[in-house]
């Protein structure tokens, strides 16, 4: 199946303590964003890429990114929340592809296999998220008081990409905007609407780079 991908790249470098947005930091001499885009640009099922960046970055990045990655059709400004940014990206798509993916710009170690399995799983499901089983015990805490120890066998750590049938993501985004609902996870909106959502196995190396420690780990992965 053919697919498009929306890549929100509007994060800041605050948790990283960096002078620039974290997606523009380099790993192995290449920016995190460029590493991410390269994988999707080469994938045979990805027909279109829309990148969502801070408004001040739209003009400076447009020509350079489109020259490097031919599948980029639009670079648009993000919104206040992730849902607004994804919605802006969705509206910029040029066609109604059978499947639309969303992927964090700061997950540069996504693999072609993960992308393929995400797209193909939409033949069976309304949508899905790439995820990995939790390795650590997770506790529910209020303040510092432990309220419950959650059953680890039932817990998965959510990653991206997340993939949706076109109409499912369209409905979910419209619902979220109408209800002023925000979510850090695009799948959560579709889940609330009752769609048939699933997890598909990801990889522990498919890390999200948000802290200095993540950056160190990412640079180590590049050397392997």
Protein backbone atom coordinates (compact mmCIF):
# COMPACT_ATOMS: atom_id res chain seq x y z
CA UNK A 1 0.00 0.00 0.00
CA UNK A 2 1.07 3.56 -0.66
CA UNK A 3 1.47 5.89 2.30
CA UNK A 4 2.37 9.40 3.39
CA UNK A 5 4.14 10.42 6.57
CA UNK A 6 3.78 13.51 8.73
CA UNK A 7 6.89 14.29 10.77
CA UNK A 8 6.37 16.74 13.66
CA UNK A 9 9.71 18.44 14.22
CA UNK A 10 8.65 21.33 16.41
CA UNK A 11 10.31 20.36 19.68
CA UNK A 12 12.66 22.61 21.62
CA UNK A 13 16.03 21.83 23.14
CA UNK A 14 15.05 22.73 26.71
CA UNK A 15 15.37 19.27 28.26
CA UNK A 16 18.56 18.77 26.29
CA UNK A 17 19.97 22.07 27.52
CA UNK A 18 20.95 22.78 23.90
CA UNK A 19 21.18 26.13 22.16
CA UNK A 20 19.20 24.85 19.16
CA UNK A 21 16.17 22.60 18.77
CA UNK A 22 17.11 18.97 19.46
CA UNK A 23 16.08 17.74 16.00
CA UNK A 24 18.87 19.85 14.49
CA UNK A 25 21.62 18.44 16.72
CA UNK A 26 24.03 16.15 14.91
CA UNK A 27 24.77 12.46 15.32
CA UNK A 28 27.69 11.14 13.32
CA UNK A 29 27.92 14.43 11.45
CA UNK A 30 24.28 14.35 10.30
CA UNK A 31 21.36 16.12 11.97
CA UNK A 32 18.80 13.98 13.80
CA UNK A 33 16.07 15.29 11.48
CA UNK A 34 18.03 14.47 8.32
CA UNK A 35 18.71 10.93 9.54
CA UNK A 36 15.02 10.44 10.14
CA UNK A 37 13.98 11.91 6.79
CA UNK A 38 16.50 9.83 4.85
CA UNK A 39 14.89 6.55 5.96
CA UNK A 40 11.40 7.61 4.89
CA UNK A 41 12.63 9.22 1.68
CA UNK A 42 14.19 5.92 0.55
CA UNK A 43 11.22 3.73 1.49
CA UNK A 44 9.35 2.46 -1.61
CA UNK A 45 5.89 2.67 -0.02
CA UNK A 46 6.29 6.26 1.18
CA UNK A 47 5.03 8.60 -1.53
CA UNK A 48 4.93 11.89 0.34
CA UNK A 49 6.57 13.49 3.37
CA UNK A 50 5.25 16.55 5.21
CA UNK A 51 7.53 18.09 7.83
CA UNK A 52 6.15 20.27 10.62
CA UNK A 53 8.65 22.71 12.12
CA UNK A 54 8.68 25.85 14.29
CA UNK A 55 7.27 28.77 12.30
CA UNK A 56 10.60 30.60 12.26
CA UNK A 57 12.20 27.56 10.60
CA UNK A 58 9.76 27.16 7.69
CA UNK A 59 11.37 29.60 5.24
CA UNK A 60 15.03 28.78 6.02
CA UNK A 61 14.47 25.00 5.77
CA UNK A 62 12.10 24.70 2.81
CA UNK A 63 14.53 24.90 -0.09
CA UNK A 64 17.34 22.94 1.56
CA UNK A 65 15.21 20.02 2.75
CA UNK A 66 13.23 19.71 -0.48
CA UNK A 67 16.49 19.61 -2.42
CA UNK A 68 17.89 16.79 -0.27
CA UNK A 69 14.68 14.76 0.09
CA UNK A 70 12.60 14.64 -3.07
CA UNK A 71 9.50 13.15 -1.38
CA UNK A 72 8.99 16.22 0.81
CA UNK A 73 5.99 18.08 -0.58
CA UNK A 74 5.49 20.61 2.20
CA UNK A 75 7.19 22.13 5.22
CA UNK A 76 4.59 23.76 7.45
CA UNK A 77 4.48 25.57 10.77
CA UNK A 78 3.57 23.67 13.90
CA UNK A 79 0.89 24.57 16.41
CA UNK A 80 0.69 25.02 20.16
CA UNK A 81 0.17 21.30 20.85
CA UNK A 82 1.17 18.13 19.00
CA UNK A 83 -2.40 17.61 17.80
CA UNK A 84 -2.37 21.04 16.15
CA UNK A 85 0.96 20.30 14.48
CA UNK A 86 -0.17 16.93 13.12
CA UNK A 87 -3.39 18.52 11.91
CA UNK A 88 -1.43 21.22 10.07
CA UNK A 89 0.65 18.51 8.45
CA UNK A 90 -2.41 16.45 7.53
CA UNK A 91 -4.05 19.41 5.78
CA UNK A 92 -0.89 19.88 3.70
CA UNK A 93 -1.04 16.39 2.16
CA UNK A 94 -1.57 16.51 -1.60
CA UNK A 95 -3.49 13.21 -1.87
CA UNK A 96 -5.69 10.89 0.18
CA UNK A 97 -3.27 8.00 0.60
CA UNK A 98 -4.63 4.69 1.98
CA UNK A 99 -2.32 5.03 4.99
CA UNK A 100 -0.92 8.05 6.81
CA UNK A 101 1.90 7.70 9.33
CA UNK A 102 3.05 10.09 12.03
CA UNK A 103 6.62 9.88 13.25
CA UNK A 104 8.69 11.79 15.81
CA UNK A 105 11.51 13.71 14.12
CA UNK A 106 13.75 12.81 17.06
CA UNK A 107 13.54 9.05 16.43
CA UNK A 108 16.32 8.77 13.83
CA UNK A 109 16.83 5.02 14.22
CA UNK A 110 13.53 3.94 12.69
CA UNK A 111 14.15 1.12 10.20
CA UNK A 112 12.69 0.31 6.77
CA UNK A 113 11.28 -2.91 8.24
CA UNK A 114 9.40 -1.02 10.96
CA UNK A 115 7.93 1.32 8.35
CA UNK A 116 6.87 -1.58 6.12
CA UNK A 117 5.19 -3.46 8.96
CA UNK A 118 3.42 -0.29 10.10
CA UNK A 119 1.92 0.29 6.66
CA UNK A 120 1.03 -3.33 5.99
CA UNK A 121 -0.71 -3.74 9.37
CA UNK A 122 -3.29 -1.16 8.26
CA UNK A 123 -4.71 -3.85 5.97
CA UNK A 124 -6.04 -5.49 9.15
CA UNK A 125 -6.36 -2.65 11.65
CA UNK A 126 -7.80 0.86 11.68
CA UNK A 127 -4.51 2.03 13.08
CA UNK A 128 -1.55 1.09 15.21
CA UNK A 129 1.47 2.24 17.08
CA UNK A 130 4.93 0.77 17.04
CA UNK A 131 5.80 -0.21 20.61
CA UNK A 132 8.01 -2.47 22.70
CA UNK A 133 7.17 -4.45 25.85
CA UNK A 134 8.11 -2.65 29.06
CA UNK A 135 11.30 -4.04 30.60
CA UNK A 136 11.08 -2.16 33.89
CA UNK A 137 8.46 -2.45 36.60
CA UNK A 138 6.13 0.57 36.44
CA UNK A 139 4.48 2.10 39.50
CA UNK A 140 1.60 4.57 39.64
CA UNK A 141 2.67 7.41 41.94
CA UNK A 142 0.95 10.49 43.34
CA UNK A 143 3.56 12.97 44.53
CA UNK A 144 6.04 10.46 45.92
CA UNK A 145 3.46 8.03 47.33
CA UNK A 146 3.12 4.71 45.50
CA UNK A 147 -0.53 4.01 44.68
CA UNK A 148 -0.17 0.84 42.62
CA UNK A 149 2.29 -1.47 40.92
CA UNK A 150 1.11 -2.06 37.37
CA UNK A 151 1.20 -5.47 35.72
CA UNK A 152 4.31 -5.34 33.56
CA UNK A 153 3.14 -8.06 31.17
CA UNK A 154 0.33 -5.74 30.06
CA UNK A 155 2.50 -2.65 29.53
CA UNK A 156 4.09 -1.50 26.28
CA UNK A 157 6.32 1.53 25.71
CA UNK A 158 4.89 3.51 22.82
CA UNK A 159 7.16 4.57 19.98
CA UNK A 160 6.56 5.88 16.48
CA UNK A 161 5.72 5.58 13.66
CA UNK A 162 2.01 5.36 14.30
CA UNK A 163 -0.08 4.45 11.26
CA UNK A 164 -3.72 5.07 10.41
CA UNK A 165 -6.14 4.54 7.59
CA UNK A 166 -6.67 7.97 6.05
CA UNK A 167 -10.29 8.40 7.20
CA UNK A 168 -9.43 7.29 10.73
CA UNK A 169 -6.75 9.94 11.22
CA UNK A 170 -8.95 12.54 9.54
CA UNK A 171 -11.79 11.76 11.98
CA UNK A 172 -9.48 11.65 15.01
CA UNK A 173 -7.89 15.02 14.27
CA UNK A 174 -11.23 16.68 13.59
CA UNK A 175 -12.62 15.27 16.85
CA UNK A 176 -9.59 16.40 18.86
CA UNK A 177 -9.75 19.93 17.50
CA UNK A 178 -13.52 20.19 17.98
CA UNK A 179 -13.27 18.95 21.58
CA UNK A 180 -10.07 20.90 22.28
CA UNK A 181 -8.49 17.57 23.21
CA UNK A 182 -4.70 17.35 23.38
CA UNK A 183 -2.62 14.19 23.29
CA UNK A 184 1.08 13.39 23.25
CA UNK A 185 0.15 10.18 21.43
CA UNK A 186 -1.86 10.35 18.19
CA UNK A 187 -3.28 6.85 18.71
CA UNK A 188 -4.94 7.91 21.96
CA UNK A 189 -7.49 10.00 20.08
CA UNK A 190 -8.46 7.14 17.77
CA UNK A 191 -8.67 4.80 20.78
CA UNK A 192 -11.14 7.15 22.44
CA UNK A 193 -13.30 7.05 19.31
CA UNK A 194 -13.46 3.26 19.48
CA UNK A 195 -11.34 2.39 16.47
CA UNK A 196 -9.61 -0.99 16.18
CA UNK A 197 -6.13 0.04 17.30
CA UNK A 198 -3.20 -2.30 17.91
CA UNK A 199 0.49 -2.40 18.77
CA UNK A 200 3.12 -3.68 16.35
CA UNK A 201 6.54 -4.70 17.64
CA UNK A 202 9.17 -2.00 17.38
CA UNK A 203 12.81 -2.05 18.45
CA UNK A 204 14.51 -0.96 21.66
CA UNK A 205 17.05 0.92 19.51
CA UNK A 206 14.24 3.08 18.07
CA UNK A 207 14.88 5.65 20.77
CA UNK A 208 13.47 9.15 21.13
CA UNK A 209 16.28 11.63 21.67
CA UNK A 210 15.09 14.14 24.26
CA UNK A 211 17.87 14.27 26.88
CA UNK A 212 21.66 14.50 26.95
CA UNK A 213 21.79 10.82 27.91
CA UNK A 214 19.70 9.91 24.86
CA UNK A 215 22.12 11.84 22.67
CA UNK A 216 25.09 9.93 24.08
CA UNK A 217 23.29 6.63 23.48
CA UNK A 218 22.35 7.70 19.96
CA UNK A 219 25.94 8.53 19.10
CA UNK A 220 26.99 5.13 20.43
CA UNK A 221 24.40 3.42 18.21
CA UNK A 222 25.83 5.25 15.19
CA UNK A 223 29.23 3.72 15.84
CA UNK A 224 27.95 0.15 15.80
